[in-house]
């Protein structure tokens, strides 16, 4: 079993920055792709960015050039650096992990609110 715990969310003004962290614990050996998803009220959960164990990244078009995903496997931590935040980035942000055996794990989410 793997546990994912996000932190770093909060309230920020438009144009500001936040850095989210996701710490993996438990039986995290074999964690392959990790990522960040977000869900705004009344909307579906959408992919924000993903990163493979080899460091390949993928970002949603809406955040390209503003958000950067990274991971530090030695520290079992994944990050999302969010710059130039906009009100439409307001959502609950979830950490996601996929093991090499196809098992999926989600964190409990952290709220990001961007005021205009």
C-alpha atoms as a PDB file:
ATOM      1  CA  UNK A   1       0.000   0.000   0.000  1.00  0.00           C
ATOM      2  CA  UNK A   2       1.168   3.502  -0.861  1.00  0.00           C
ATOM      3  CA  UNK A   3       0.103   6.738   0.774  1.00  0.00           C
ATOM      4  CA  UNK A   4       0.372  10.080  -1.009  1.00  0.00           C
ATOM      5  CA  UNK A   5       0.180  13.312   0.964  1.00  0.00           C
ATOM      6  CA  UNK A   6      -0.041  16.746  -0.659  1.00  0.00           C
ATOM      7  CA  UNK A   7       0.891  20.045   0.910  1.00  0.00           C
ATOM      8  CA  UNK A   8       1.534  23.611  -0.157  1.00  0.00           C
ATOM      9  CA  UNK A   9      -1.897  24.750  -1.224  1.00  0.00           C
ATOM     10  CA  UNK A  10      -3.410  28.016  -0.099  1.00  0.00           C
ATOM     11  CA  UNK A  11      -4.757  31.401  -1.106  1.00  0.00           C
ATOM     12  CA  UNK A  12      -2.725  33.545  -3.478  1.00  0.00           C
ATOM     13  CA  UNK A  13      -3.380  36.608  -5.588  1.00  0.00           C
ATOM     14  CA  UNK A  14      -3.504  36.460  -9.355  1.00  0.00           C
ATOM     15  CA  UNK A  15       0.026  36.481 -10.752  1.00  0.00           C
ATOM     16  CA  UNK A  16       1.450  34.872  -7.646  1.00  0.00           C
ATOM     17  CA  UNK A  17       3.214  31.556  -7.130  1.00  0.00           C
ATOM     18  CA  UNK A  18       2.806  28.411  -5.071  1.00  0.00           C
ATOM     19  CA  UNK A  19       4.740  25.164  -4.838  1.00  0.00           C
ATOM     20  CA  UNK A  20       2.876  21.971  -4.134  1.00  0.00           C
ATOM     21  CA  UNK A  21       4.586  18.917  -2.690  1.00  0.00           C
ATOM     22  CA  UNK A  22       3.517  15.289  -2.665  1.00  0.00           C
ATOM     23  CA  UNK A  23       5.267  12.856  -0.350  1.00  0.00           C
ATOM     24  CA  UNK A  24       4.937   9.134  -0.967  1.00  0.00           C
ATOM     25  CA  UNK A  25       5.151   6.683   1.909  1.00  0.00           C
ATOM     26  CA  UNK A  26       4.550   3.010   2.447  1.00  0.00           C
ATOM     27  CA  UNK A  27       5.395   0.423  -0.203  1.00  0.00           C
ATOM     28  CA  UNK A  28       6.435   2.978  -2.808  1.00  0.00           C
ATOM     29  CA  UNK A  29       8.932   0.748  -4.591  1.00  0.00           C
ATOM     30  CA  UNK A  30       7.968   0.484  -8.231  1.00  0.00           C
ATOM     31  CA  UNK A  31       6.311   3.876  -8.478  1.00  0.00           C
ATOM     32  CA  UNK A  32       6.426   4.800 -12.153  1.00  0.00           C
ATOM     33  CA  UNK A  33       4.425   7.714 -13.483  1.00  0.00           C
ATOM     34  CA  UNK A  34       3.357  10.381 -11.021  1.00  0.00           C
ATOM     35  CA  UNK A  35       1.300  13.450 -11.651  1.00  0.00           C
ATOM     36  CA  UNK A  36      -0.924  16.266 -10.567  1.00  0.00           C
ATOM     37  CA  UNK A  37      -4.611  16.514 -11.338  1.00  0.00           C
ATOM     38  CA  UNK A  38      -7.086  19.200 -10.377  1.00  0.00           C
ATOM     39  CA  UNK A  39     -10.797  19.476  -9.927  1.00  0.00           C
ATOM     40  CA  UNK A  40     -12.742  22.711  -9.793  1.00  0.00           C
ATOM     41  CA  UNK A  41     -16.269  22.826  -8.302  1.00  0.00           C
ATOM     42  CA  UNK A  42     -18.780  21.270 -10.658  1.00  0.00           C
ATOM     43  CA  UNK A  43     -16.116  20.112 -13.099  1.00  0.00           C
ATOM     44  CA  UNK A  44     -14.334  16.858 -13.830  1.00  0.00           C
ATOM     45  CA  UNK A  45     -10.882  16.032 -12.575  1.00  0.00           C
ATOM     46  CA  UNK A  46      -8.313  17.004 -15.208  1.00  0.00           C
ATOM     47  CA  UNK A  47      -4.652  16.215 -15.687  1.00  0.00           C
ATOM     48  CA  UNK A  48      -2.330  19.118 -14.938  1.00  0.00           C
ATOM     49  CA  UNK A  49       1.077  17.517 -15.375  1.00  0.00           C
ATOM     50  CA  UNK A  50       2.725  14.106 -15.264  1.00  0.00           C
ATOM     51  CA  UNK A  51       6.283  12.872 -14.898  1.00  0.00           C
ATOM     52  CA  UNK A  52       7.679   9.395 -15.498  1.00  0.00           C
ATOM     53  CA  UNK A  53      10.381   7.664 -13.496  1.00  0.00           C
ATOM     54  CA  UNK A  54      12.726   8.584 -16.346  1.00  0.00           C
ATOM     55  CA  UNK A  55      11.917  12.256 -16.006  1.00  0.00           C
ATOM     56  CA  UNK A  56       9.732  12.684 -19.086  1.00  0.00           C
ATOM     57  CA  UNK A  57       7.080  15.304 -18.444  1.00  0.00           C
ATOM     58  CA  UNK A  58       3.756  16.235 -19.937  1.00  0.00           C
ATOM     59  CA  UNK A  59       1.682  19.316 -19.124  1.00  0.00           C
ATOM     60  CA  UNK A  60      -1.795  20.448 -19.987  1.00  0.00           C
ATOM     61  CA  UNK A  61      -1.857  23.241 -22.542  1.00  0.00           C
ATOM     62  CA  UNK A  62      -3.525  25.552 -20.033  1.00  0.00           C
ATOM     63  CA  UNK A  63      -0.494  25.478 -17.716  1.00  0.00           C
ATOM     64  CA  UNK A  64       2.414  25.193 -20.158  1.00  0.00           C
ATOM     65  CA  UNK A  65       5.012  27.858 -19.521  1.00  0.00           C
ATOM     66  CA  UNK A  66       3.612  28.538 -16.045  1.00  0.00           C
ATOM     67  CA  UNK A  67       3.736  25.236 -14.140  1.00  0.00           C
ATOM     68  CA  UNK A  68       6.709  22.897 -13.738  1.00  0.00           C
ATOM     69  CA  UNK A  69       6.550  19.346 -12.442  1.00  0.00           C
ATOM     70  CA  UNK A  70       9.553  17.619 -10.896  1.00  0.00           C
ATOM     71  CA  UNK A  71      10.338  14.691  -8.639  1.00  0.00           C
ATOM     72  CA  UNK A  72      13.038  13.712  -6.172  1.00  0.00           C
ATOM     73  CA  UNK A  73      12.862   9.952  -5.830  1.00  0.00           C
ATOM     74  CA  UNK A  74      15.527   9.910  -3.126  1.00  0.00           C
ATOM     75  CA  UNK A  75      13.171  12.017  -1.023  1.00  0.00           C
ATOM     76  CA  UNK A  76      10.034  10.235  -2.324  1.00  0.00           C
ATOM     77  CA  UNK A  77       8.645  13.637  -3.210  1.00  0.00           C
ATOM     78  CA  UNK A  78       7.066  15.199  -6.260  1.00  0.00           C
ATOM     79  CA  UNK A  79       6.616  18.918  -6.778  1.00  0.00           C
ATOM     80  CA  UNK A  80       4.494  21.285  -8.812  1.00  0.00           C
ATOM     81  CA  UNK A  81       5.867  24.800  -9.119  1.00  0.00           C
ATOM     82  CA  UNK A  82       3.034  27.073 -10.135  1.00  0.00           C
ATOM     83  CA  UNK A  83       3.846  30.575 -11.379  1.00  0.00           C
ATOM     84  CA  UNK A  84       1.709  33.330 -12.885  1.00  0.00           C
ATOM     85  CA  UNK A  85      -1.359  31.864 -11.253  1.00  0.00           C
ATOM     86  CA  UNK A  86      -4.774  32.807 -12.598  1.00  0.00           C
ATOM     87  CA  UNK A  87      -8.227  32.653 -10.992  1.00  0.00           C
ATOM     88  CA  UNK A  88      -9.093  29.777 -13.333  1.00  0.00           C
ATOM     89  CA  UNK A  89      -6.350  27.723 -11.661  1.00  0.00           C
ATOM     90  CA  UNK A  90      -8.506  27.600  -8.535  1.00  0.00           C
ATOM     91  CA  UNK A  91      -9.218  23.955  -7.733  1.00  0.00           C
ATOM     92  CA  UNK A  92      -8.409  21.063  -5.455  1.00  0.00           C
ATOM     93  CA  UNK A  93      -5.095  19.626  -6.603  1.00  0.00           C
ATOM     94  CA  UNK A  94      -4.526  15.894  -6.280  1.00  0.00           C
ATOM     95  CA  UNK A  95      -1.327  13.896  -6.341  1.00  0.00           C
ATOM     96  CA  UNK A  96      -1.419  10.726  -8.421  1.00  0.00           C
ATOM     97  CA  UNK A  97       0.866   7.731  -8.603  1.00  0.00           C
ATOM     98  CA  UNK A  98       0.948   4.717 -10.910  1.00  0.00           C
ATOM     99  CA  UNK A  99       3.133   1.724 -10.131  1.00  0.00           C
ATOM    100  CA  UNK A 100       4.821  -0.538 -12.646  1.00  0.00           C
ATOM    101  CA  UNK A 101       2.195  -3.155 -11.734  1.00  0.00           C
ATOM    102  CA  UNK A 102      -0.649  -0.851 -12.778  1.00  0.00           C
ATOM    103  CA  UNK A 103      -1.837   0.094  -9.295  1.00  0.00           C
ATOM    104  CA  UNK A 104      -3.124   3.664  -8.952  1.00  0.00           C
ATOM    105  CA  UNK A 105      -2.974   5.839  -5.867  1.00  0.00           C
ATOM    106  CA  UNK A 106      -4.394   9.275  -5.057  1.00  0.00           C
ATOM    107  CA  UNK A 107      -3.712  11.799  -2.358  1.00  0.00           C
ATOM    108  CA  UNK A 108      -6.434  13.523  -0.367  1.00  0.00           C
ATOM    109  CA  UNK A 109      -6.058  16.811  -2.261  1.00  0.00           C
ATOM    110  CA  UNK A 110      -4.970  20.309  -1.393  1.00  0.00           C
ATOM    111  CA  UNK A 111      -6.975  23.458  -2.113  1.00  0.00           C
ATOM    112  CA  UNK A 112      -5.486  26.180  -4.296  1.00  0.00           C
ATOM    113  CA  UNK A 113      -7.434  29.433  -4.491  1.00  0.00           C
ATOM    114  CA  UNK A 114      -6.348  32.291  -6.730  1.00  0.00           C
ATOM    115  CA  UNK A 115      -8.023  35.619  -6.128  1.00  0.00           C
ATOM    116  CA  UNK A 116      -8.413  38.228  -8.848  1.00  0.00           C
END
